[in-house]
Protein backbone atom coordinates (compact mmCIF):
# COMPACT_ATOMS: atom_id res chain seq x y z
CA MET A 1 23.19 -9.92 10.19
CA GLN A 2 22.83 -6.25 11.05
CA ALA A 3 20.07 -3.91 12.08
CA PHE A 4 20.14 -0.15 11.91
CA GLY A 5 17.67 2.37 13.26
CA ALA A 6 16.47 5.19 12.22
CA ARG A 7 1.25 13.07 -10.95
CA CYS A 8 -0.27 10.86 -12.44
CA GLY A 9 0.72 11.08 -16.14
CA GLN A 10 -1.43 11.88 -19.10
CA ARG A 11 -4.94 10.52 -19.17
CA SER A 12 -5.40 7.32 -21.08
CA THR A 13 -6.04 7.38 -24.78
CA VAL A 14 -7.11 3.74 -24.67
CA ASN A 15 -10.16 3.06 -26.83
CA SER A 16 -13.23 3.19 -24.58
CA GLN A 17 -15.07 0.72 -26.82
CA ARG A 18 -12.30 -1.81 -26.19
CA LEU A 19 -12.76 -1.47 -22.43
CA GLN A 20 -16.50 -1.96 -22.94
CA SER A 21 -15.99 -5.13 -24.99
CA PRO A 22 -17.25 -8.48 -23.57
CA ALA A 23 -13.80 -9.26 -22.17
CA TYR A 24 -14.12 -6.27 -19.88
CA ARG A 25 -17.75 -6.62 -18.82
CA CYS A 26 -17.22 -8.07 -15.36
CA ARG A 27 -18.45 -5.09 -13.35
CA VAL A 28 -20.98 -5.95 -10.69
CA ALA A 29 -22.61 -2.53 -10.35
CA ASP A 30 -22.60 1.07 -11.44
CA ILE A 31 -22.61 3.85 -8.86
CA GLU A 32 -23.32 7.45 -9.75
CA SER A 33 -24.15 8.96 -6.36
CA THR A 34 -21.57 10.14 -3.86
CA THR A 35 -24.12 9.45 -1.10
CA ASN A 36 -24.33 5.74 -1.93
CA SER A 37 -23.93 3.64 1.25
CA ARG A 38 -21.01 1.67 -0.19
CA ILE A 39 -19.20 4.86 -1.09
CA LYS A 40 -19.76 6.23 2.39
CA GLY A 41 -18.25 3.03 3.77
CA LEU A 42 -15.15 3.48 1.62
CA VAL A 43 -14.77 7.09 2.72
CA ARG A 44 -14.86 5.96 6.36
CA LEU A 45 -11.79 3.80 5.68
CA ARG A 46 -9.76 7.00 5.72
CA LYS A 47 -9.95 6.73 9.51
CA ARG A 48 -7.72 4.30 11.36
CA ARG A 49 -10.54 3.31 13.68
CA GLU A 50 -12.62 2.16 10.72
CA ARG A 51 -9.67 0.34 9.14
CA ASP A 52 -8.97 -1.46 12.40
CA SER A 53 -12.60 -2.39 13.02
CA THR A 54 -13.21 -3.72 9.50
CA GLY A 55 -9.74 -5.08 8.79
CA LEU A 56 -9.88 -3.38 5.39
CA PHE A 57 -7.92 -0.60 3.70
CA LEU A 58 -7.77 1.25 0.39
CA VAL A 59 -5.10 1.24 -2.29
CA GLU A 60 -4.90 3.69 -5.18
CA GLY A 61 -2.21 4.44 -7.70
CA GLU A 62 -1.00 2.30 -10.60
CA ARG A 63 2.34 1.29 -9.13
CA GLU A 64 0.87 0.63 -5.70
CA LEU A 65 -1.87 -1.62 -7.04
CA GLU A 66 0.55 -3.48 -9.31
CA SER A 67 2.70 -4.27 -6.28
CA ALA A 68 -0.32 -5.32 -4.23
CA LEU A 69 -1.37 -7.75 -6.94
CA LEU A 70 1.94 -9.61 -6.63
CA GLY A 71 0.92 -11.30 -3.40
CA HIS A 72 -2.31 -9.92 -1.99
CA GLU A 73 -5.97 -10.46 -2.79
CA VAL A 74 -7.96 -7.50 -4.08
CA LEU A 75 -11.45 -7.77 -2.62
CA ASP A 76 -13.11 -5.06 -4.72
CA LEU A 77 -12.11 -2.56 -7.38
CA TYR A 78 -13.89 0.74 -8.03
CA VAL A 79 -12.98 2.20 -11.40
CA CYS A 80 -13.72 5.28 -13.47
CA GLU A 81 -12.51 4.57 -16.99
CA ASP A 82 -12.59 8.27 -17.89
CA LEU A 83 -9.82 8.93 -15.36
CA LEU A 84 -7.52 6.05 -16.26
CA THR A 85 -4.01 6.86 -17.44
CA ASP A 86 -2.36 4.60 -20.01
CA HIS A 87 -0.58 2.84 -17.17
CA GLY A 88 -3.82 2.56 -15.24
CA ALA A 89 -5.60 1.07 -18.24
CA ARG A 90 -2.95 -1.65 -18.45
CA VAL A 91 -3.31 -2.46 -14.76
CA TYR A 92 -7.09 -2.48 -15.12
CA ARG A 93 -6.88 -4.81 -18.11
CA THR A 94 -4.72 -7.24 -16.13
CA ILE A 95 -7.24 -7.32 -13.29
CA VAL A 96 -10.21 -7.78 -15.61
CA GLU A 97 -8.55 -10.55 -17.56
CA GLY A 98 -7.80 -12.33 -14.28
CA GLY A 99 -11.55 -12.51 -13.74
CA ALA A 100 -11.37 -12.86 -9.95
CA VAL A 101 -11.99 -9.30 -8.73
CA PRO A 102 -15.49 -7.80 -8.44
CA ILE A 103 -15.39 -4.49 -10.31
CA THR A 104 -17.72 -1.54 -9.81
CA SER A 105 -17.75 1.32 -12.28
CA VAL A 106 -18.23 4.79 -10.82
CA THR A 107 -18.48 8.34 -12.11
CA PRO A 108 -15.61 10.85 -11.75
CA PRO A 109 -17.29 12.65 -8.81
CA VAL A 110 -17.72 9.34 -6.98
CA LEU A 111 -14.10 8.31 -7.48
CA GLU A 112 -12.94 11.74 -6.39
CA LYS A 113 -15.08 11.34 -3.26
CA ILE A 114 -13.32 8.07 -2.40
CA SER A 115 -9.82 9.16 -3.36
CA LEU A 116 -7.44 11.01 -1.10
CA ARG A 117 -5.44 12.25 -4.08
CA GLY A 118 -5.94 15.50 -5.89
CA ASN A 119 -5.51 13.74 -9.22
CA PRO A 120 -7.07 10.26 -8.86
CA SER A 121 -5.52 7.48 -10.91
CA GLY A 122 -8.85 6.08 -12.06
CA PHE A 123 -9.39 3.30 -9.54
CA VAL A 124 -9.45 2.51 -5.84
CA ALA A 125 -9.01 -1.05 -4.57
CA VAL A 126 -10.13 -2.60 -1.30
CA LEU A 127 -7.74 -5.04 0.37
CA ARG A 128 -7.70 -6.92 3.66
CA GLN A 129 -5.09 -6.10 6.28
CA TRP A 130 -2.58 -8.75 7.28
CA GLU A 131 -0.70 -9.59 10.45
CA ALA A 132 2.90 -8.33 10.68
CA PRO A 133 4.67 -10.41 13.36
CA LEU A 134 8.40 -10.44 14.06
CA SER A 135 8.44 -14.08 13.00
CA GLY A 136 7.94 -12.92 9.42
CA ILE A 137 11.29 -11.11 9.33
CA PRO A 138 14.24 -13.10 7.89
CA THR A 139 17.07 -13.57 10.38
CA ASP A 140 19.59 -15.37 8.18
CA GLU A 141 22.34 -12.95 7.15
CA ALA A 142 19.80 -10.24 6.42
CA LEU A 143 19.72 -6.48 6.91
CA VAL A 144 16.93 -5.03 9.05
CA LEU A 145 15.87 -1.43 9.50
CA VAL A 146 14.38 -0.81 12.94
CA VAL A 147 12.38 2.39 13.33
CA GLU A 148 10.72 3.52 16.54
CA SER A 149 7.65 5.69 17.18
CA ILE A 150 7.45 7.15 13.68
CA GLU A 151 4.57 9.61 13.77
CA LYS A 152 4.16 10.77 10.16
CA PRO A 153 2.79 8.14 7.76
CA GLY A 154 4.72 9.62 4.85
CA ASN A 155 7.99 9.26 6.74
CA LEU A 156 7.27 5.62 7.52
CA GLY A 157 6.41 4.92 3.90
CA GLY A 158 9.61 6.59 2.74
CA MET A 159 11.65 4.48 5.15
CA ILE A 160 10.03 1.30 3.87
CA ARG A 161 10.86 2.36 0.31
CA SER A 162 14.50 3.06 1.26
CA ALA A 163 14.77 -0.27 3.07
CA ASN A 164 13.41 -2.06 0.02
CA ALA A 165 16.04 -0.40 -2.17
CA ALA A 166 18.75 -1.54 0.25
CA GLY A 167 17.43 -5.09 0.37
CA ALA A 168 16.42 -4.70 4.03
CA SER A 169 13.41 -5.78 6.05
CA VAL A 170 11.66 -3.35 8.39
CA VAL A 171 10.62 -3.59 12.04
CA VAL A 172 8.34 -0.81 13.25
CA ALA A 173 8.65 -0.53 17.03
CA ASP A 174 5.94 1.18 19.08
CA ALA A 175 4.10 2.29 15.95
CA THR A 176 2.08 5.48 16.27
CA THR A 177 0.66 5.14 12.76
CA ASP A 178 -0.68 2.01 11.08
CA LEU A 179 0.88 0.35 8.06
CA PHE A 180 -2.34 0.68 6.11
CA ASN A 181 -2.58 4.46 6.21
CA SER A 182 -2.92 5.70 2.62
CA ASN A 183 0.09 7.99 3.01
CA VAL A 184 2.26 5.07 4.13
CA ILE A 185 1.26 3.16 1.01
CA ARG A 186 1.75 6.13 -1.29
CA ALA A 187 5.14 7.16 0.14
CA SER A 188 6.34 3.56 0.00
CA MET A 189 5.46 3.57 -3.72
CA GLY A 190 3.98 0.12 -3.28
CA THR A 191 7.03 -1.43 -1.59
CA LEU A 192 4.92 -2.05 1.52
CA PHE A 193 3.52 -5.00 -0.42
CA THR A 194 6.91 -6.45 -1.36
CA THR A 195 9.05 -5.74 1.72
CA PRO A 196 9.04 -7.90 4.88
CA VAL A 197 7.62 -5.57 7.56
CA ALA A 198 6.84 -6.33 11.20
CA VAL A 199 5.16 -4.28 13.91
CA ALA A 200 6.02 -4.87 17.57
CA SER A 201 6.61 -3.12 20.88
CA THR A 202 10.07 -1.76 21.58
CA THR A 203 10.46 -4.32 24.38
CA ASP A 204 9.63 -7.23 22.09
CA THR A 205 11.83 -5.81 19.33
CA LEU A 206 14.85 -5.56 21.62
CA ALA A 207 14.26 -9.11 22.86
CA TRP A 208 13.96 -10.32 19.26
CA LEU A 209 17.19 -8.59 18.26
CA ASP A 210 19.00 -10.05 21.25
CA GLY A 211 17.54 -13.52 20.80
CA ASN A 212 18.66 -13.63 17.18
CA GLU A 213 22.11 -12.21 18.03
CA ILE A 214 21.64 -9.30 15.67
CA THR A 215 24.28 -6.60 15.77
CA VAL A 216 22.66 -3.20 16.21
CA PHE A 217 23.98 0.08 14.80
CA ALA A 218 22.42 3.47 15.46
CA THR A 219 22.08 5.78 12.47
CA THR A 220 22.13 9.53 11.99
CA PRO A 221 21.98 11.82 8.95
CA ALA A 222 25.35 13.24 10.08
CA ALA A 223 27.13 9.88 9.80
CA THR A 224 30.12 9.65 7.47
CA LYS A 225 29.73 5.93 6.70
CA ALA A 226 27.05 4.21 4.69
CA HIS A 227 25.13 1.26 6.11
CA SER A 228 26.98 -1.07 3.73
CA GLU A 229 30.46 -0.17 4.99
């Protein structure tokens, strides 16, 4: 085992009457005001303090939500059918047909108020955070990327995406950003939901590496060898 350190498409042309058919009528409310108390609560989830205090976070983007659905419970879905892409309409249909997710329809201004993206994908989902202990990282002949004190959420998300492509797990040591930052999720392109990721102190990470007899290699962009050599 080794460790090494470190627009949306076209809008949907789906028939709106089909989305309004009985099979799709599972929405629990309609919200038209950007000052609605629930919407204000969602907007507050942009802040880490609010995410940490509530244990909740937001997911938007077709690919990201598809990945989240593979192993995580969606607590609520806020959707604006007018903004759905074809891909988004398919994801939405899958969720509706599952019948387990409370769905709230909102107007374009409301979704744009919630969204952090300049071109919202048509829905925003609410999920619950999960624990990310070192015990969740495979130690049997596996590859692990260890990153320390990564400040920019987008960089962390990109590293998770790269690790996923290499078949590696990720250990985030002395994290200065949280896993559930929207930019981490977006830059990971949803791989946060499908990649084993742990968060720990540098001290605990080093002890874990040593205790599992993991060979450690430092990495640099100037290196002449790939991690697989």
